[in-house]
Amino acid sequence: MPSSADAARDAVVRAIIALERSCLEAESAFVERRWPDVEVAFGRQAALTGDLGRLFAAAPETSPVHDPKVARRVRGIIAYRDDQLRRMRAYHDDVATRLRSIGKVNALARTIRRRTAGGHLVDGQF
């Protein structure tokens, strides 16, 4: 029969693996621009992070402070999520730039339409 320490460690390992899988699911959804799936994966990550916090509080010997293997895995997850966030911000900034450009073109088109109402922008005669 496994000890309570073994059971706590197994629970932490399962939570870490689930969190890593959720990061991969979010990555796949992000790459494929499946925004609802990204949101679901992030929600799952938040829940799993809370679960890990409770597991660490209940069994401090499993926490990253006391277990170097857990610390390494948690650092890896944090680095991976930080990279995802950086790339999402870059994507957001790129989309914002494109939308501003589209807005400028639309504003120019409206201005031209107003100025040429009833007339033509280019006269067919030279």
C-alpha atoms as a PDB file:
ATOM      1  CA  MET A   1       0.000   0.000   0.000  1.00  0.00           C
ATOM      2  CA  PRO A   2       1.488   3.352  -1.014  1.00  0.00           C
ATOM      3  CA  SER A   3       2.240   5.866   1.690  1.00  0.00           C
ATOM      4  CA  SER A   4       0.524   9.242   1.886  1.00  0.00           C
ATOM      5  CA  ALA A   5       3.779  10.863   0.724  1.00  0.00           C
ATOM      6  CA  ASP A   6       3.768   8.635  -2.369  1.00  0.00           C
ATOM      7  CA  ALA A   7       0.116   9.430  -3.026  1.00  0.00           C
ATOM      8  CA  ALA A   8       0.816  13.175  -2.687  1.00  0.00           C
ATOM      9  CA  ARG A   9       3.773  12.933  -5.058  1.00  0.00           C
ATOM     10  CA  ASP A  10       1.688  10.967  -7.582  1.00  0.00           C
ATOM     11  CA  ALA A  11      -1.038  13.623  -7.425  1.00  0.00           C
ATOM     12  CA  VAL A  12       1.548  16.362  -8.056  1.00  0.00           C
ATOM     13  CA  VAL A  13       3.039  14.425 -10.987  1.00  0.00           C
ATOM     14  CA  ARG A  14      -0.422  13.917 -12.523  1.00  0.00           C
ATOM     15  CA  ALA A  15      -1.231  17.624 -12.119  1.00  0.00           C
ATOM     16  CA  ILE A  16       2.087  18.673 -13.680  1.00  0.00           C
ATOM     17  CA  ILE A  17       1.583  16.333 -16.631  1.00  0.00           C
ATOM     18  CA  ALA A  18      -1.971  17.638 -17.108  1.00  0.00           C
ATOM     19  CA  LEU A  19      -0.662  21.212 -16.987  1.00  0.00           C
ATOM     20  CA  GLU A  20       2.025  20.433 -19.569  1.00  0.00           C
ATOM     21  CA  ARG A  21      -0.582  18.830 -21.844  1.00  0.00           C
ATOM     22  CA  SER A  22      -2.832  21.846 -21.450  1.00  0.00           C
ATOM     23  CA  CYS A  23       0.062  24.078 -22.501  1.00  0.00           C
ATOM     24  CA  LEU A  24       0.482  21.954 -25.633  1.00  0.00           C
ATOM     25  CA  GLU A  25      -3.265  22.118 -26.318  1.00  0.00           C
ATOM     26  CA  ALA A  26      -3.156  25.905 -25.999  1.00  0.00           C
ATOM     27  CA  GLU A  27      -0.174  25.994 -28.348  1.00  0.00           C
ATOM     28  CA  SER A  28      -1.945  23.939 -30.980  1.00  0.00           C
ATOM     29  CA  ALA A  29      -5.083  26.053 -30.706  1.00  0.00           C
ATOM     30  CA  PHE A  30      -3.054  29.276 -30.892  1.00  0.00           C
ATOM     31  CA  VAL A  31      -1.153  28.154 -33.996  1.00  0.00           C
ATOM     32  CA  GLU A  32      -4.433  27.179 -35.672  1.00  0.00           C
ATOM     33  CA  ARG A  33      -6.183  30.379 -34.465  1.00  0.00           C
ATOM     34  CA  ARG A  34      -8.874  28.400 -32.627  1.00  0.00           C
ATOM     35  CA  TRP A  35      -9.511  31.133 -30.061  1.00  0.00           C
ATOM     36  CA  PRO A  36     -12.316  29.380 -28.116  1.00  0.00           C
ATOM     37  CA  ASP A  37      -9.992  26.389 -27.619  1.00  0.00           C
ATOM     38  CA  VAL A  38      -7.189  28.706 -26.460  1.00  0.00           C
ATOM     39  CA  GLU A  39      -9.576  30.158 -23.890  1.00  0.00           C
ATOM     40  CA  VAL A  40     -10.602  26.679 -22.680  1.00  0.00           C
ATOM     41  CA  ALA A  41      -6.962  25.602 -22.388  1.00  0.00           C
ATOM     42  CA  PHE A  42      -6.082  28.722 -20.414  1.00  0.00           C
ATOM     43  CA  GLY A  43      -9.014  28.117 -18.084  1.00  0.00           C
ATOM     44  CA  ARG A  44      -7.816  24.566 -17.553  1.00  0.00           C
ATOM     45  CA  GLN A  45      -4.303  25.846 -16.871  1.00  0.00           C
ATOM     46  CA  ALA A  46      -5.636  28.250 -14.254  1.00  0.00           C
ATOM     47  CA  ALA A  47      -7.558  25.441 -12.538  1.00  0.00           C
ATOM     48  CA  LEU A  48      -4.555  23.114 -12.630  1.00  0.00           C
ATOM     49  CA  THR A  49      -2.283  25.820 -11.253  1.00  0.00           C
ATOM     50  CA  GLY A  50      -4.705  26.256  -8.353  1.00  0.00           C
ATOM     51  CA  ASP A  51      -4.772  22.494  -7.834  1.00  0.00           C
ATOM     52  CA  LEU A  52      -0.975  22.398  -7.735  1.00  0.00           C
ATOM     53  CA  GLY A  53      -0.913  25.185  -5.174  1.00  0.00           C
ATOM     54  CA  ARG A  54      -3.298  23.238  -2.945  1.00  0.00           C
ATOM     55  CA  LEU A  55      -1.282  20.039  -3.404  1.00  0.00           C
ATOM     56  CA  PHE A  56       1.939  21.841  -2.480  1.00  0.00           C
ATOM     57  CA  ALA A  57       0.280  23.363   0.595  1.00  0.00           C
ATOM     58  CA  ALA A  58      -1.069  19.974   1.694  1.00  0.00           C
ATOM     59  CA  ALA A  59       2.246  18.190   1.132  1.00  0.00           C
ATOM     60  CA  PRO A  60       5.093  20.722   1.313  1.00  0.00           C
ATOM     61  CA  GLU A  61       7.688  18.014   0.629  1.00  0.00           C
ATOM     62  CA  THR A  62       6.338  17.861  -2.964  1.00  0.00           C
ATOM     63  CA  SER A  63       6.696  21.593  -3.576  1.00  0.00           C
ATOM     64  CA  PRO A  64       9.338  23.027  -5.909  1.00  0.00           C
ATOM     65  CA  VAL A  65      11.171  24.396  -2.887  1.00  0.00           C
ATOM     66  CA  HIS A  66      11.780  20.886  -1.568  1.00  0.00           C
ATOM     67  CA  ASP A  67      11.840  18.751  -4.724  1.00  0.00           C
ATOM     68  CA  PRO A  68      14.345  19.683  -7.455  1.00  0.00           C
ATOM     69  CA  LYS A  69      12.591  17.533 -10.085  1.00  0.00           C
ATOM     70  CA  VAL A  70       9.301  19.312  -9.455  1.00  0.00           C
ATOM     71  CA  ALA A  71      11.112  22.661  -9.483  1.00  0.00           C
ATOM     72  CA  ARG A  72      12.643  21.861 -12.893  1.00  0.00           C
ATOM     73  CA  ARG A  73       9.280  20.858 -14.388  1.00  0.00           C
ATOM     74  CA  VAL A  74       7.522  23.913 -12.967  1.00  0.00           C
ATOM     75  CA  ARG A  75      10.269  26.220 -14.298  1.00  0.00           C
ATOM     76  CA  GLY A  76       9.844  24.582 -17.704  1.00  0.00           C
ATOM     77  CA  ILE A  77       6.094  25.196 -17.644  1.00  0.00           C
ATOM     78  CA  ILE A  78       6.592  28.810 -16.605  1.00  0.00           C
ATOM     79  CA  ALA A  79       9.152  29.393 -19.378  1.00  0.00           C
ATOM     80  CA  TYR A  80       6.859  27.769 -21.947  1.00  0.00           C
ATOM     81  CA  ARG A  81       3.866  29.853 -20.877  1.00  0.00           C
ATOM     82  CA  ASP A  82       5.967  33.031 -20.844  1.00  0.00           C
ATOM     83  CA  ASP A  83       7.025  32.308 -24.430  1.00  0.00           C
ATOM     84  CA  GLN A  84       3.396  31.701 -25.433  1.00  0.00           C
ATOM     85  CA  LEU A  85       2.389  34.993 -23.851  1.00  0.00           C
ATOM     86  CA  ARG A  86       5.205  36.828 -25.643  1.00  0.00           C
ATOM     87  CA  ARG A  87       4.126  35.387 -28.998  1.00  0.00           C
ATOM     88  CA  MET A  88       0.468  36.154 -28.333  1.00  0.00           C
ATOM     89  CA  ARG A  89       1.353  39.755 -27.531  1.00  0.00           C
ATOM     90  CA  ALA A  90       3.349  39.959 -30.772  1.00  0.00           C
ATOM     91  CA  TYR A  91       0.372  38.542 -32.697  1.00  0.00           C
ATOM     92  CA  HIS A  92      -1.941  41.019 -30.964  1.00  0.00           C
ATOM     93  CA  ASP A  93       0.355  43.912 -31.840  1.00  0.00           C
ATOM     94  CA  ASP A  94       0.571  42.731 -35.476  1.00  0.00           C
ATOM     95  CA  VAL A  95      -3.223  42.502 -35.762  1.00  0.00           C
ATOM     96  CA  ALA A  96      -3.597  45.949 -34.165  1.00  0.00           C
ATOM     97  CA  THR A  97      -1.144  47.420 -36.686  1.00  0.00           C
ATOM     98  CA  ARG A  98      -3.026  45.832 -39.576  1.00  0.00           C
ATOM     99  CA  LEU A  99      -6.378  47.058 -38.277  1.00  0.00           C
ATOM    100  CA  ARG A 100      -5.010  50.608 -37.943  1.00  0.00           C
ATOM    101  CA  SER A 101      -3.782  50.428 -41.550  1.00  0.00           C
ATOM    102  CA  ILE A 102      -7.173  49.185 -42.746  1.00  0.00           C
ATOM    103  CA  GLY A 103      -8.840  51.997 -40.812  1.00  0.00           C
ATOM    104  CA  LYS A 104      -6.610  54.570 -42.499  1.00  0.00           C
ATOM    105  CA  VAL A 105      -7.397  53.172 -45.952  1.00  0.00           C
ATOM    106  CA  ASN A 106     -11.123  53.192 -45.153  1.00  0.00           C
ATOM    107  CA  ALA A 107     -10.929  56.780 -43.917  1.00  0.00           C
ATOM    108  CA  LEU A 108      -9.114  57.790 -47.103  1.00  0.00           C
ATOM    109  CA  ALA A 109     -11.763  56.027 -49.213  1.00  0.00           C
ATOM    110  CA  ARG A 110     -14.548  57.869 -47.373  1.00  0.00           C
ATOM    111  CA  THR A 111     -12.768  61.185 -47.893  1.00  0.00           C
ATOM    112  CA  ILE A 112     -12.340  60.517 -51.597  1.00  0.00           C
ATOM    113  CA  ARG A 113     -16.005  59.507 -51.962  1.00  0.00           C
ATOM    114  CA  ARG A 114     -17.129  62.720 -50.261  1.00  0.00           C
ATOM    115  CA  ARG A 115     -14.885  64.887 -52.411  1.00  0.00           C
ATOM    116  CA  THR A 116     -15.948  63.223 -55.613  1.00  0.00           C
ATOM    117  CA  ALA A 117     -19.658  62.927 -54.860  1.00  0.00           C
ATOM    118  CA  GLY A 118     -21.455  63.675 -58.090  1.00  0.00           C
ATOM    119  CA  GLY A 119     -18.207  63.841 -60.003  1.00  0.00           C
ATOM    120  CA  HIS A 120     -15.388  61.585 -60.922  1.00  0.00           C
ATOM    121  CA  LEU A 121     -12.029  61.351 -59.282  1.00  0.00           C
ATOM    122  CA  VAL A 122     -10.327  61.005 -62.630  1.00  0.00           C
ATOM    123  CA  ASP A 123     -11.630  62.986 -65.608  1.00  0.00           C
ATOM    124  CA  GLY A 124     -11.532  60.960 -68.787  1.00  0.00           C
ATOM    125  CA  GLN A 125     -10.347  64.019 -70.697  1.00  0.00           C
ATOM    126  CA  PHE A 126      -6.785  65.215 -70.723  1.00  0.00           C
END
